[in-house]
């Protein structure tokens, strides 16, 4: 059974340190956990992050991390989920783990009438800006100059796996000040639109979305 913990609003760097300690000291019988939280305004750079993707930090701290991916933003009104999973014990590999994380986001969005989509080669979940509830799959040729034309990113993903155990995780935008995304190329993509549930017309509060997201993650990540 996965233990789900709601940490509320917590400092980013302190939370990463706690995740790392949990992962480094856990044993073969340590229960898996999912930490749900939100952070004060913080830009985070992944291992592949490039400094020029931070356009204007405007006083928001930029924190280097050991997760995968490029730069992203965390702030109030965003549900950040940190699954601490022993993949070897769970019985699936990293690629399936990522698929399950994205499935949990898609299932959570569906509960609020929003259809989430995967985009090949670009981890995270996207929505159609013109019709967020449309169920039709994304089809047609992708414009290489504008691969996210008509799409907005509602959830970002960046993970770390150490000794078969995961930390870092996935962030779902609920009701945020989206302006800080203008200060970066989100996830390394210039001009990528970033949205939250409120922008998509969903009236839902942080605790409700956090609870449902935690339920879907727990169901997806059980061994």
N, C-alpha and C. Protein backbone atom coordinates (compact mmCIF):
# COMPACT_ATOMS: atom_id res chain seq x y z
N UNK A 1 0.85 -1.20 0.00
CA UNK A 1 0.00 0.00 0.00
C UNK A 1 0.88 1.25 0.00
N UNK A 2 0.53 2.23 -0.81
CA UNK A 2 1.28 3.48 -0.89
C UNK A 2 0.70 4.48 0.12
N UNK A 3 1.57 5.08 0.90
CA UNK A 3 1.17 6.08 1.88
C UNK A 3 1.13 7.44 1.19
N UNK A 4 -0.02 8.11 1.22
CA UNK A 4 -0.15 9.43 0.60
C UNK A 4 -0.13 10.49 1.69
N UNK A 5 0.79 11.47 1.55
CA UNK A 5 0.93 12.53 2.55
C UNK A 5 0.72 13.89 1.91
N UNK A 6 -0.11 14.71 2.53
CA UNK A 6 -0.31 16.09 2.08
C UNK A 6 0.54 17.00 2.95
N UNK A 7 1.58 17.58 2.37
CA UNK A 7 2.53 18.40 3.13
C UNK A 7 2.15 19.87 3.17
N UNK A 8 1.16 20.28 2.37
CA UNK A 8 0.81 21.69 2.30
C UNK A 8 1.87 22.48 1.55
N UNK A 9 2.05 23.75 1.91
CA UNK A 9 3.05 24.59 1.24
C UNK A 9 4.39 24.46 1.96
N UNK A 10 5.40 24.04 1.23
CA UNK A 10 6.71 23.76 1.82
C UNK A 10 7.82 24.31 0.93
N UNK A 11 8.95 24.60 1.53
CA UNK A 11 10.11 25.08 0.80
C UNK A 11 10.60 24.03 -0.18
N UNK A 12 10.98 24.46 -1.38
CA UNK A 12 11.38 23.51 -2.41
C UNK A 12 12.67 22.77 -2.03
N UNK A 13 13.73 23.50 -1.70
CA UNK A 13 15.01 22.85 -1.46
C UNK A 13 14.96 21.92 -0.25
N UNK A 14 14.24 22.31 0.78
CA UNK A 14 14.11 21.45 1.96
C UNK A 14 13.37 20.16 1.61
N UNK A 15 12.38 20.27 0.73
CA UNK A 15 11.61 19.09 0.33
C UNK A 15 12.45 18.14 -0.50
N UNK A 16 13.27 18.69 -1.42
CA UNK A 16 14.16 17.85 -2.21
C UNK A 16 15.16 17.14 -1.30
N UNK A 17 15.69 17.84 -0.30
CA UNK A 17 16.63 17.22 0.63
C UNK A 17 15.96 16.09 1.40
N UNK A 18 14.70 16.29 1.79
CA UNK A 18 13.98 15.24 2.51
C UNK A 18 13.71 14.03 1.62
N UNK A 19 13.38 14.28 0.34
CA UNK A 19 13.16 13.17 -0.59
C UNK A 19 14.43 12.37 -0.79
N UNK A 20 15.53 13.08 -0.93
CA UNK A 20 16.81 12.40 -1.16
C UNK A 20 17.18 11.55 0.06
N UNK A 21 16.98 12.11 1.26
CA UNK A 21 17.29 11.36 2.47
C UNK A 21 16.40 10.12 2.59
N UNK A 22 15.10 10.30 2.29
CA UNK A 22 14.18 9.17 2.34
C UNK A 22 14.64 8.07 1.40
N UNK A 23 15.04 8.46 0.20
CA UNK A 23 15.44 7.49 -0.83
C UNK A 23 16.75 6.79 -0.46
N UNK A 24 17.70 7.56 0.07
CA UNK A 24 19.01 6.98 0.38
C UNK A 24 18.99 6.09 1.61
N UNK A 25 18.02 6.30 2.49
CA UNK A 25 18.00 5.53 3.74
C UNK A 25 16.93 4.46 3.76
N UNK A 26 16.09 4.39 2.72
CA UNK A 26 15.00 3.41 2.74
C UNK A 26 15.56 2.00 2.57
N UNK A 27 14.85 1.04 3.11
CA UNK A 27 15.23 -0.35 3.01
C UNK A 27 14.26 -1.12 2.15
N UNK A 28 14.47 -2.43 2.00
CA UNK A 28 13.61 -3.24 1.13
C UNK A 28 12.16 -3.31 1.60
N UNK A 29 11.91 -3.02 2.87
CA UNK A 29 10.55 -3.10 3.39
C UNK A 29 9.93 -1.73 3.65
N UNK A 30 10.64 -0.67 3.30
CA UNK A 30 10.10 0.68 3.50
C UNK A 30 8.88 0.89 2.60
N UNK A 31 7.73 1.26 3.16
CA UNK A 31 6.56 1.51 2.31
C UNK A 31 6.80 2.64 1.33
N UNK A 32 6.24 2.51 0.13
CA UNK A 32 6.28 3.62 -0.84
C UNK A 32 5.40 4.75 -0.34
N UNK A 33 5.75 5.96 -0.74
CA UNK A 33 4.97 7.13 -0.34
C UNK A 33 4.75 8.04 -1.54
N UNK A 34 3.71 8.86 -1.47
CA UNK A 34 3.47 9.96 -2.41
C UNK A 34 3.30 11.22 -1.59
N UNK A 35 4.16 12.21 -1.83
CA UNK A 35 4.06 13.49 -1.13
C UNK A 35 3.36 14.49 -2.05
N UNK A 36 2.32 15.12 -1.55
CA UNK A 36 1.59 16.16 -2.27
C UNK A 36 1.87 17.50 -1.59
N UNK A 37 2.20 18.51 -2.38
CA UNK A 37 2.55 19.80 -1.78
C UNK A 37 2.43 20.91 -2.82
N UNK A 38 2.68 22.12 -2.38
CA UNK A 38 2.89 23.25 -3.27
C UNK A 38 4.08 24.03 -2.74
N UNK A 39 4.71 24.81 -3.60
CA UNK A 39 5.93 25.52 -3.23
C UNK A 39 5.76 27.02 -3.40
N UNK A 40 6.52 27.82 -2.66
CA UNK A 40 6.63 29.25 -2.97
C UNK A 40 7.24 29.40 -4.37
N UNK A 41 7.13 30.58 -4.98
CA UNK A 41 7.66 30.76 -6.34
C UNK A 41 9.12 30.35 -6.46
N UNK A 42 9.39 29.40 -7.37
CA UNK A 42 10.73 28.85 -7.55
C UNK A 42 10.89 28.36 -8.98
N UNK A 43 11.98 28.75 -9.64
CA UNK A 43 12.37 28.11 -10.89
C UNK A 43 13.33 26.98 -10.56
N UNK A 44 13.16 25.84 -11.24
CA UNK A 44 14.08 24.72 -11.02
C UNK A 44 14.67 24.28 -12.36
N UNK A 45 15.97 24.03 -12.34
CA UNK A 45 16.69 23.57 -13.53
C UNK A 45 16.99 22.08 -13.40
N UNK A 46 16.65 21.30 -14.43
CA UNK A 46 17.00 19.90 -14.45
C UNK A 46 18.43 19.69 -14.90
N UNK A 47 18.85 18.44 -14.93
CA UNK A 47 20.23 18.12 -15.30
C UNK A 47 20.58 18.58 -16.71
N UNK A 48 19.58 18.59 -17.59
CA UNK A 48 19.82 19.01 -18.98
C UNK A 48 19.56 20.50 -19.18
N UNK A 49 19.27 21.21 -18.09
CA UNK A 49 18.87 22.60 -18.19
C UNK A 49 19.95 23.51 -18.74
N UNK A 50 19.56 24.44 -19.59
CA UNK A 50 20.47 25.42 -20.17
C UNK A 50 20.14 26.80 -19.61
N UNK A 51 21.20 27.51 -19.24
CA UNK A 51 21.01 28.82 -18.60
C UNK A 51 20.21 29.77 -19.47
N UNK A 52 20.35 29.68 -20.80
CA UNK A 52 19.67 30.64 -21.66
C UNK A 52 18.17 30.39 -21.77
N UNK A 53 17.67 29.30 -21.17
CA UNK A 53 16.23 29.09 -21.12
C UNK A 53 15.57 29.87 -19.98
N UNK A 54 16.39 30.46 -19.11
CA UNK A 54 15.88 31.39 -18.10
C UNK A 54 16.01 32.78 -18.70
N UNK A 55 14.89 33.35 -19.11
CA UNK A 55 14.91 34.63 -19.84
C UNK A 55 14.98 35.82 -18.89
N UNK A 56 14.20 35.75 -17.82
CA UNK A 56 14.16 36.84 -16.84
C UNK A 56 13.58 36.31 -15.54
N UNK A 57 14.47 35.98 -14.60
CA UNK A 57 14.01 35.39 -13.34
C UNK A 57 13.24 36.38 -12.48
N UNK A 58 13.48 37.67 -12.67
CA UNK A 58 12.73 38.73 -11.97
C UNK A 58 12.67 38.50 -10.46
N UNK A 59 13.79 38.07 -9.89
CA UNK A 59 13.85 37.91 -8.44
C UNK A 59 13.42 36.56 -7.92
N UNK A 60 12.86 35.72 -8.78
CA UNK A 60 12.46 34.37 -8.34
C UNK A 60 13.72 33.50 -8.31
N UNK A 61 13.95 32.78 -7.21
CA UNK A 61 15.18 31.97 -7.14
C UNK A 61 15.20 30.86 -8.19
N UNK A 62 16.39 30.62 -8.73
CA UNK A 62 16.61 29.54 -9.69
C UNK A 62 17.43 28.46 -8.99
N UNK A 63 16.87 27.27 -8.86
CA UNK A 63 17.51 26.19 -8.10
C UNK A 63 17.95 25.09 -9.05
N UNK A 64 19.22 24.71 -8.97
CA UNK A 64 19.73 23.58 -9.74
C UNK A 64 19.31 22.28 -9.05
N UNK A 65 18.84 21.31 -9.82
CA UNK A 65 18.38 20.05 -9.24
C UNK A 65 19.02 18.88 -9.98
N UNK A 66 18.80 17.69 -9.45
CA UNK A 66 19.31 16.48 -10.08
C UNK A 66 18.22 15.67 -10.78
N UNK A 67 17.11 16.32 -11.05
CA UNK A 67 16.05 15.63 -11.81
C UNK A 67 16.34 15.72 -13.30
N UNK A 68 15.62 14.96 -14.09
CA UNK A 68 15.73 15.08 -15.53
C UNK A 68 15.00 16.32 -16.03
N UNK A 69 15.27 16.68 -17.27
CA UNK A 69 14.53 17.75 -17.91
C UNK A 69 15.19 19.12 -17.82
N UNK A 70 14.43 20.11 -18.29
CA UNK A 70 14.90 21.49 -18.38
C UNK A 70 14.26 22.33 -17.28
N UNK A 71 14.22 23.63 -17.50
CA UNK A 71 13.72 24.54 -16.49
C UNK A 71 12.19 24.50 -16.43
N UNK A 72 11.67 24.62 -15.21
CA UNK A 72 10.23 24.75 -15.02
C UNK A 72 9.99 25.68 -13.84
N UNK A 73 8.72 25.94 -13.58
CA UNK A 73 8.34 26.86 -12.51
C UNK A 73 7.41 26.15 -11.53
N UNK A 74 7.64 26.39 -10.24
CA UNK A 74 6.71 25.94 -9.20
C UNK A 74 6.21 27.16 -8.45
N UNK A 75 4.92 27.15 -8.10
CA UNK A 75 4.38 28.26 -7.35
C UNK A 75 3.06 27.90 -6.71
N UNK A 76 2.55 28.79 -5.87
CA UNK A 76 1.26 28.55 -5.22
C UNK A 76 0.16 28.28 -6.24
N UNK A 77 -0.74 27.37 -5.89
CA UNK A 77 -1.83 27.00 -6.79
C UNK A 77 -1.49 25.86 -7.72
N UNK A 78 -0.35 25.23 -7.50
CA UNK A 78 0.08 24.09 -8.32
C UNK A 78 0.20 22.88 -7.39
N UNK A 79 -0.39 21.76 -7.80
CA UNK A 79 -0.23 20.52 -7.02
C UNK A 79 1.02 19.80 -7.51
N UNK A 80 2.02 19.72 -6.64
CA UNK A 80 3.25 19.01 -6.96
C UNK A 80 3.20 17.65 -6.26
N UNK A 81 3.40 16.59 -7.01
CA UNK A 81 3.36 15.24 -6.46
C UNK A 81 4.73 14.60 -6.58
N UNK A 82 5.21 14.09 -5.47
CA UNK A 82 6.52 13.42 -5.43
C UNK A 82 6.31 11.95 -5.05
N UNK A 83 6.21 11.05 -6.03
CA UNK A 83 6.10 9.62 -5.72
C UNK A 83 7.48 9.05 -5.35
N UNK A 84 7.54 8.38 -4.22
CA UNK A 84 8.75 7.74 -3.73
C UNK A 84 8.53 6.24 -3.83
N UNK A 85 8.86 5.70 -5.00
CA UNK A 85 8.45 4.34 -5.37
C UNK A 85 9.68 3.46 -5.59
N UNK A 86 9.66 2.27 -5.03
CA UNK A 86 10.68 1.26 -5.31
C UNK A 86 10.23 0.51 -6.57
N UNK A 87 10.80 0.88 -7.71
CA UNK A 87 10.36 0.32 -8.98
C UNK A 87 10.64 -1.18 -9.06
N UNK A 88 11.74 -1.60 -8.51
CA UNK A 88 12.08 -3.03 -8.56
C UNK A 88 11.03 -3.85 -7.82
N UNK A 89 10.60 -3.35 -6.68
CA UNK A 89 9.56 -4.05 -5.92
C UNK A 89 8.20 -3.92 -6.60
N UNK A 90 7.95 -2.76 -7.22
CA UNK A 90 6.67 -2.54 -7.89
C UNK A 90 6.53 -3.40 -9.13
N UNK A 91 7.66 -3.71 -9.79
CA UNK A 91 7.63 -4.63 -10.92
C UNK A 91 7.49 -3.97 -12.28
N UNK A 92 7.84 -2.68 -12.38
CA UNK A 92 7.84 -2.04 -13.70
C UNK A 92 9.05 -1.13 -13.83
N UNK A 93 9.38 -0.80 -15.09
CA UNK A 93 10.59 -0.03 -15.37
C UNK A 93 10.28 1.45 -15.52
N UNK A 94 11.32 2.26 -15.77
CA UNK A 94 11.17 3.71 -15.77
C UNK A 94 10.19 4.19 -16.84
N UNK A 95 10.27 3.61 -18.05
CA UNK A 95 9.37 4.08 -19.11
C UNK A 95 7.91 3.86 -18.72
N UNK A 96 7.61 2.71 -18.14
CA UNK A 96 6.22 2.46 -17.71
C UNK A 96 5.86 3.35 -16.55
N UNK A 97 6.82 3.63 -15.66
CA UNK A 97 6.57 4.55 -14.55
C UNK A 97 6.13 5.91 -15.07
N UNK A 98 6.84 6.44 -16.05
CA UNK A 98 6.48 7.73 -16.64
C UNK A 98 5.09 7.66 -17.26
N UNK A 99 4.80 6.57 -17.97
CA UNK A 99 3.49 6.38 -18.59
C UNK A 99 2.40 6.41 -17.52
N UNK A 100 2.66 5.77 -16.38
CA UNK A 100 1.67 5.73 -15.30
C UNK A 100 1.47 7.10 -14.66
N UNK A 101 2.55 7.86 -14.51
CA UNK A 101 2.42 9.22 -13.99
C UNK A 101 1.52 10.05 -14.91
N UNK A 102 1.79 9.97 -16.21
CA UNK A 102 0.99 10.74 -17.16
C UNK A 102 -0.45 10.26 -17.18
N UNK A 103 -0.66 8.95 -17.03
CA UNK A 103 -2.03 8.42 -16.99
C UNK A 103 -2.78 8.97 -15.79
N UNK A 104 -2.11 9.10 -14.65
CA UNK A 104 -2.77 9.65 -13.46
C UNK A 104 -3.19 11.10 -13.69
N UNK A 105 -2.34 11.87 -14.38
CA UNK A 105 -2.71 13.25 -14.71
C UNK A 105 -3.93 13.26 -15.62
N UNK A 106 -3.90 12.45 -16.67
CA UNK A 106 -5.00 12.40 -17.63
C UNK A 106 -6.31 12.01 -16.94
N UNK A 107 -6.24 11.03 -16.05
CA UNK A 107 -7.44 10.59 -15.34
C UNK A 107 -7.96 11.67 -14.39
N UNK A 108 -7.05 12.39 -13.76
CA UNK A 108 -7.46 13.48 -12.86
C UNK A 108 -8.13 14.60 -13.65
N UNK A 109 -7.54 14.99 -14.77
CA UNK A 109 -8.14 16.03 -15.61
C UNK A 109 -9.53 15.62 -16.08
N UNK A 110 -9.68 14.35 -16.43
CA UNK A 110 -10.98 13.87 -16.93
C UNK A 110 -12.09 14.07 -15.90
N UNK A 111 -11.74 13.98 -14.62
CA UNK A 111 -12.74 14.19 -13.57
C UNK A 111 -13.26 15.62 -13.54
N UNK A 112 -12.51 16.53 -14.18
CA UNK A 112 -12.92 17.93 -14.24
C UNK A 112 -13.32 18.33 -15.66
N UNK A 113 -13.57 17.35 -16.52
CA UNK A 113 -14.05 17.62 -17.87
C UNK A 113 -13.00 18.08 -18.84
N UNK A 114 -11.72 17.85 -18.53
CA UNK A 114 -10.62 18.28 -19.40
C UNK A 114 -9.94 17.04 -19.97
N UNK A 115 -9.64 17.07 -21.26
CA UNK A 115 -8.95 15.95 -21.91
C UNK A 115 -7.47 16.26 -22.03
N UNK A 116 -6.66 15.44 -21.40
CA UNK A 116 -5.21 15.60 -21.47
C UNK A 116 -4.63 14.76 -22.59
N UNK A 117 -3.53 15.24 -23.18
CA UNK A 117 -2.89 14.55 -24.29
C UNK A 117 -1.40 14.42 -24.04
N UNK A 118 -0.83 13.32 -24.52
CA UNK A 118 0.62 13.18 -24.57
C UNK A 118 1.11 13.70 -25.92
N UNK A 119 2.33 14.25 -25.93
CA UNK A 119 3.00 14.67 -27.16
C UNK A 119 4.31 13.91 -27.24
N UNK A 120 4.51 13.18 -28.31
CA UNK A 120 5.70 12.34 -28.46
C UNK A 120 6.98 13.16 -28.27
N UNK A 121 7.87 12.66 -27.44
CA UNK A 121 9.15 13.31 -27.23
C UNK A 121 9.13 14.51 -26.31
N UNK A 122 7.96 14.83 -25.74
CA UNK A 122 7.85 15.99 -24.86
C UNK A 122 7.07 15.59 -23.61
N UNK A 123 7.75 15.06 -22.60
CA UNK A 123 7.06 14.58 -21.39
C UNK A 123 6.16 15.64 -20.78
N UNK A 124 5.09 15.19 -20.17
CA UNK A 124 4.10 16.08 -19.59
C UNK A 124 2.76 15.87 -20.25
N UNK A 125 1.79 16.67 -19.86
CA UNK A 125 0.44 16.55 -20.41
C UNK A 125 -0.02 17.90 -20.95
N UNK A 126 -0.66 17.85 -22.12
CA UNK A 126 -1.06 19.03 -22.87
C UNK A 126 -2.56 19.01 -23.11
N UNK A 127 -3.14 20.19 -23.37
CA UNK A 127 -4.56 20.30 -23.66
C UNK A 127 -4.76 21.15 -24.91
N UNK A 128 -5.87 20.91 -25.60
CA UNK A 128 -6.26 21.78 -26.71
C UNK A 128 -6.79 23.10 -26.15
N UNK A 129 -6.18 24.19 -26.52
CA UNK A 129 -6.60 25.48 -26.00
C UNK A 129 -7.98 25.88 -26.51
N UNK A 130 -8.30 25.50 -27.75
CA UNK A 130 -9.58 25.90 -28.34
C UNK A 130 -10.75 25.08 -27.80
N UNK A 131 -10.48 23.86 -27.34
CA UNK A 131 -11.54 22.98 -26.85
C UNK A 131 -10.95 21.97 -25.86
N UNK A 132 -10.75 22.40 -24.61
CA UNK A 132 -10.05 21.54 -23.64
C UNK A 132 -10.76 20.22 -23.35
N UNK A 133 -12.06 20.16 -23.63
CA UNK A 133 -12.80 18.93 -23.34
C UNK A 133 -12.90 17.98 -24.51
N UNK A 134 -12.35 18.34 -25.67
CA UNK A 134 -12.47 17.50 -26.86
C UNK A 134 -11.75 16.17 -26.65
N UNK A 135 -12.43 15.09 -27.03
CA UNK A 135 -11.88 13.75 -26.81
C UNK A 135 -11.06 13.24 -27.98
N UNK A 136 -11.17 13.87 -29.14
CA UNK A 136 -10.46 13.37 -30.31
C UNK A 136 -8.95 13.41 -30.09
N UNK A 137 -8.27 12.37 -30.54
CA UNK A 137 -6.82 12.29 -30.39
C UNK A 137 -6.14 13.35 -31.24
N UNK A 138 -4.95 13.75 -30.83
CA UNK A 138 -4.16 14.68 -31.64
C UNK A 138 -3.72 13.96 -32.91
N UNK A 139 -4.03 14.53 -34.04
CA UNK A 139 -3.69 13.90 -35.31
C UNK A 139 -3.12 14.94 -36.26
N UNK A 140 -2.63 14.44 -37.39
CA UNK A 140 -2.13 15.34 -38.42
C UNK A 140 -0.65 15.59 -38.27
N UNK A 141 -0.04 16.12 -39.32
CA UNK A 141 1.41 16.38 -39.28
C UNK A 141 1.74 17.48 -38.28
N UNK A 142 2.89 17.34 -37.63
CA UNK A 142 3.35 18.33 -36.67
C UNK A 142 4.26 19.32 -37.37
N UNK A 143 3.99 20.61 -37.20
CA UNK A 143 4.84 21.65 -37.75
C UNK A 143 6.13 21.70 -36.93
N UNK A 144 7.27 21.37 -37.50
CA UNK A 144 8.52 21.33 -36.73
C UNK A 144 8.90 22.68 -36.14
N UNK A 145 8.43 23.76 -36.75
CA UNK A 145 8.73 25.09 -36.23
C UNK A 145 7.78 25.48 -35.10
N UNK A 146 6.60 24.85 -35.07
CA UNK A 146 5.59 25.16 -34.05
C UNK A 146 4.95 23.86 -33.58
N UNK A 147 5.70 23.00 -32.90
CA UNK A 147 5.18 21.67 -32.55
C UNK A 147 4.03 21.70 -31.55
N UNK A 148 3.86 22.82 -30.83
CA UNK A 148 2.81 22.89 -29.82
C UNK A 148 1.69 23.85 -30.24
N UNK A 149 1.57 24.06 -31.55
CA UNK A 149 0.55 24.96 -32.06
C UNK A 149 -0.83 24.53 -31.56
N UNK A 150 -1.54 25.45 -30.90
CA UNK A 150 -2.89 25.16 -30.43
C UNK A 150 -2.94 24.40 -29.12
N UNK A 151 -1.78 24.11 -28.53
CA UNK A 151 -1.74 23.34 -27.28
C UNK A 151 -1.21 24.19 -26.13
N UNK A 152 -1.62 23.81 -24.92
CA UNK A 152 -1.08 24.40 -23.71
C UNK A 152 -0.65 23.29 -22.77
N UNK A 153 0.41 23.52 -22.04
CA UNK A 153 0.91 22.51 -21.10
C UNK A 153 0.29 22.74 -19.73
N UNK A 154 -0.33 21.70 -19.19
CA UNK A 154 -1.00 21.81 -17.90
C UNK A 154 -0.28 21.02 -16.81
N UNK A 155 0.62 20.13 -17.20
CA UNK A 155 1.36 19.34 -16.21
C UNK A 155 2.77 19.07 -16.73
N UNK A 156 3.76 19.28 -15.86
CA UNK A 156 5.16 19.05 -16.21
C UNK A 156 5.70 17.89 -15.39
N UNK A 157 6.69 17.21 -15.97
CA UNK A 157 7.21 16.00 -15.35
C UNK A 157 8.73 16.01 -15.36
N UNK A 158 9.33 15.67 -14.24
CA UNK A 158 10.79 15.55 -14.15
C UNK A 158 11.12 14.61 -13.00
N UNK A 159 11.83 13.53 -13.28
CA UNK A 159 12.04 12.51 -12.26
C UNK A 159 13.52 12.23 -12.04
N UNK A 160 13.79 11.55 -10.95
CA UNK A 160 15.11 11.03 -10.63
C UNK A 160 14.93 9.60 -10.14
N UNK A 161 15.78 8.69 -10.59
CA UNK A 161 15.75 7.31 -10.13
C UNK A 161 17.13 6.97 -9.57
N UNK A 162 17.15 6.51 -8.33
CA UNK A 162 18.40 6.14 -7.67
C UNK A 162 18.22 4.77 -7.02
N UNK A 163 19.04 3.82 -7.40
CA UNK A 163 18.96 2.44 -6.89
C UNK A 163 17.53 1.89 -7.06
N UNK A 164 16.96 2.12 -8.23
CA UNK A 164 15.62 1.65 -8.60
C UNK A 164 14.50 2.40 -7.87
N UNK A 165 14.83 3.45 -7.12
CA UNK A 165 13.81 4.18 -6.36
C UNK A 165 13.66 5.59 -6.90
N UNK A 166 12.42 6.05 -6.98
CA UNK A 166 12.12 7.33 -7.62
C UNK A 166 11.99 8.46 -6.61
N UNK A 167 12.34 9.66 -7.07
CA UNK A 167 11.92 10.87 -6.39
C UNK A 167 11.84 12.00 -7.41
N UNK A 168 11.60 13.23 -6.96
CA UNK A 168 11.06 14.30 -7.81
C UNK A 168 9.72 13.80 -8.37
N UNK A 169 9.16 14.38 -9.44
CA UNK A 169 7.85 13.90 -9.84
C UNK A 169 7.14 14.74 -10.89
N UNK A 170 5.90 15.15 -10.56
CA UNK A 170 5.02 15.76 -11.56
C UNK A 170 4.24 16.89 -10.92
N UNK A 171 4.03 17.96 -11.70
CA UNK A 171 3.34 19.15 -11.20
C UNK A 171 2.12 19.43 -12.08
N UNK A 172 0.97 19.58 -11.46
CA UNK A 172 -0.29 19.85 -12.14
C UNK A 172 -0.77 21.25 -11.77
N UNK A 173 -0.98 22.09 -12.78
CA UNK A 173 -1.36 23.48 -12.55
C UNK A 173 -2.86 23.60 -12.30
N UNK A 174 -3.20 24.19 -11.15
CA UNK A 174 -4.62 24.29 -10.76
C UNK A 174 -5.11 25.73 -10.88
N UNK A 175 -4.62 26.61 -10.03
CA UNK A 175 -5.05 28.02 -10.03
C UNK A 175 -3.84 28.87 -9.66
N UNK A 176 -3.06 29.25 -10.67
CA UNK A 176 -1.77 29.89 -10.45
C UNK A 176 -1.70 31.29 -11.02
N UNK A 177 -0.70 32.04 -10.58
CA UNK A 177 -0.24 33.20 -11.32
C UNK A 177 0.69 32.65 -12.40
N UNK A 178 0.25 32.69 -13.65
CA UNK A 178 1.02 32.09 -14.74
C UNK A 178 2.08 33.02 -15.30
N UNK A 179 2.12 34.26 -14.83
CA UNK A 179 3.07 35.23 -15.40
C UNK A 179 4.52 34.76 -15.29
N UNK A 180 4.96 34.12 -14.20
CA UNK A 180 6.36 33.69 -14.13
C UNK A 180 6.79 32.75 -15.27
N UNK A 181 5.85 32.08 -15.91
CA UNK A 181 6.23 31.23 -17.05
C UNK A 181 6.77 32.07 -18.21
N UNK A 182 6.40 33.37 -18.23
CA UNK A 182 6.93 34.25 -19.28
C UNK A 182 8.43 34.48 -19.11
N UNK A 183 8.95 34.20 -17.92
CA UNK A 183 10.36 34.43 -17.65
C UNK A 183 11.26 33.28 -18.04
N UNK A 184 10.68 32.20 -18.59
CA UNK A 184 11.48 31.03 -18.99
C UNK A 184 10.95 30.49 -20.31
N UNK A 185 11.74 29.61 -20.91
CA UNK A 185 11.25 28.74 -21.97
C UNK A 185 10.81 27.45 -21.28
N UNK A 186 9.51 27.29 -21.01
CA UNK A 186 9.08 26.17 -20.18
C UNK A 186 9.54 24.83 -20.75
N UNK A 187 10.24 24.07 -19.89
CA UNK A 187 10.74 22.75 -20.27
C UNK A 187 11.65 22.82 -21.50
N UNK A 188 12.22 24.02 -21.75
CA UNK A 188 13.15 24.19 -22.85
C UNK A 188 12.52 24.53 -24.18
N UNK A 189 11.21 24.81 -24.19
CA UNK A 189 10.51 25.09 -25.45
C UNK A 189 10.09 26.56 -25.50
N UNK A 190 10.71 27.32 -26.39
CA UNK A 190 10.38 28.73 -26.54
C UNK A 190 8.94 28.89 -27.03
N UNK A 191 8.20 29.76 -26.35
CA UNK A 191 6.84 30.06 -26.79
C UNK A 191 5.80 29.04 -26.38
N UNK A 192 6.17 28.02 -25.61
CA UNK A 192 5.19 27.02 -25.18
C UNK A 192 4.20 27.65 -24.21
N UNK A 193 2.91 27.59 -24.54
CA UNK A 193 1.87 28.13 -23.66
C UNK A 193 1.71 27.22 -22.45
N UNK A 194 1.60 27.83 -21.29
CA UNK A 194 1.35 27.08 -20.06
C UNK A 194 0.02 27.53 -19.48
N UNK A 195 -0.80 26.56 -19.08
CA UNK A 195 -2.15 26.86 -18.61
C UNK A 195 -2.39 26.18 -17.27
N UNK A 196 -3.46 26.59 -16.61
CA UNK A 196 -3.92 25.90 -15.42
C UNK A 196 -5.40 25.59 -15.56
N UNK A 197 -5.95 24.89 -14.59
CA UNK A 197 -7.36 24.49 -14.69
C UNK A 197 -8.29 25.69 -14.72
N UNK A 198 -7.96 26.73 -13.97
CA UNK A 198 -8.81 27.93 -13.96
C UNK A 198 -8.86 28.54 -15.35
N UNK A 199 -7.71 28.64 -16.02
CA UNK A 199 -7.66 29.17 -17.39
C UNK A 199 -8.54 28.35 -18.32
N UNK A 200 -8.65 27.06 -18.05
CA UNK A 200 -9.44 26.16 -18.90
C UNK A 200 -10.92 26.15 -18.51
N UNK A 201 -11.28 27.00 -17.57
CA UNK A 201 -12.69 27.13 -17.20
C UNK A 201 -13.14 26.20 -16.09
N UNK A 202 -12.19 25.57 -15.39
CA UNK A 202 -12.53 24.65 -14.31
C UNK A 202 -12.49 25.40 -12.98
N UNK A 203 -13.56 25.29 -12.22
CA UNK A 203 -13.61 25.90 -10.89
C UNK A 203 -13.34 24.80 -9.87
N UNK A 204 -12.11 24.70 -9.43
CA UNK A 204 -11.73 23.66 -8.46
C UNK A 204 -10.64 24.21 -7.57
N UNK A 205 -10.66 23.84 -6.29
CA UNK A 205 -9.66 24.36 -5.38
C UNK A 205 -8.50 23.36 -5.23
N UNK A 206 -7.41 23.86 -4.67
CA UNK A 206 -6.19 23.06 -4.53
C UNK A 206 -6.43 21.78 -3.74
N UNK A 207 -7.08 21.83 -2.55
CA UNK A 207 -7.24 20.60 -1.78
C UNK A 207 -8.02 19.51 -2.53
N UNK A 208 -9.04 19.92 -3.28
CA UNK A 208 -9.84 18.94 -4.01
C UNK A 208 -9.02 18.27 -5.10
N UNK A 209 -8.30 19.08 -5.88
CA UNK A 209 -7.48 18.51 -6.96
C UNK A 209 -6.36 17.66 -6.38
N UNK A 210 -5.74 18.12 -5.30
CA UNK A 210 -4.67 17.35 -4.67
C UNK A 210 -5.17 15.98 -4.22
N UNK A 211 -6.33 15.95 -3.61
CA UNK A 211 -6.88 14.68 -3.12
C UNK A 211 -7.15 13.72 -4.28
N UNK A 212 -7.77 14.23 -5.33
CA UNK A 212 -8.09 13.35 -6.47
C UNK A 212 -6.82 12.91 -7.20
N UNK A 213 -5.87 13.81 -7.33
CA UNK A 213 -4.61 13.47 -7.99
C UNK A 213 -3.88 12.40 -7.18
N UNK A 214 -3.87 12.56 -5.86
CA UNK A 214 -3.24 11.56 -5.02
C UNK A 214 -3.89 10.20 -5.16
N UNK A 215 -5.21 10.17 -5.26
CA UNK A 215 -5.93 8.91 -5.44
C UNK A 215 -5.55 8.24 -6.75
N UNK A 216 -5.51 9.02 -7.82
CA UNK A 216 -5.20 8.44 -9.13
C UNK A 216 -3.74 7.99 -9.21
N UNK A 217 -2.83 8.76 -8.63
CA UNK A 217 -1.43 8.33 -8.60
C UNK A 217 -1.27 7.04 -7.82
N UNK A 218 -1.91 6.97 -6.68
CA UNK A 218 -1.80 5.76 -5.85
C UNK A 218 -2.32 4.56 -6.60
N UNK A 219 -3.45 4.72 -7.28
CA UNK A 219 -4.03 3.60 -8.04
C UNK A 219 -3.12 3.19 -9.20
N UNK A 220 -2.52 4.16 -9.87
CA UNK A 220 -1.67 3.86 -11.02
C UNK A 220 -0.35 3.22 -10.63
N UNK A 221 0.18 3.61 -9.48
CA UNK A 221 1.54 3.21 -9.12
C UNK A 221 1.61 1.99 -8.22
N UNK A 222 0.48 1.48 -7.78
CA UNK A 222 0.49 0.24 -6.98
C UNK A 222 1.14 -0.87 -7.79
N UNK A 223 1.83 -1.74 -7.09
CA UNK A 223 2.52 -2.85 -7.77
C UNK A 223 1.51 -3.77 -8.43
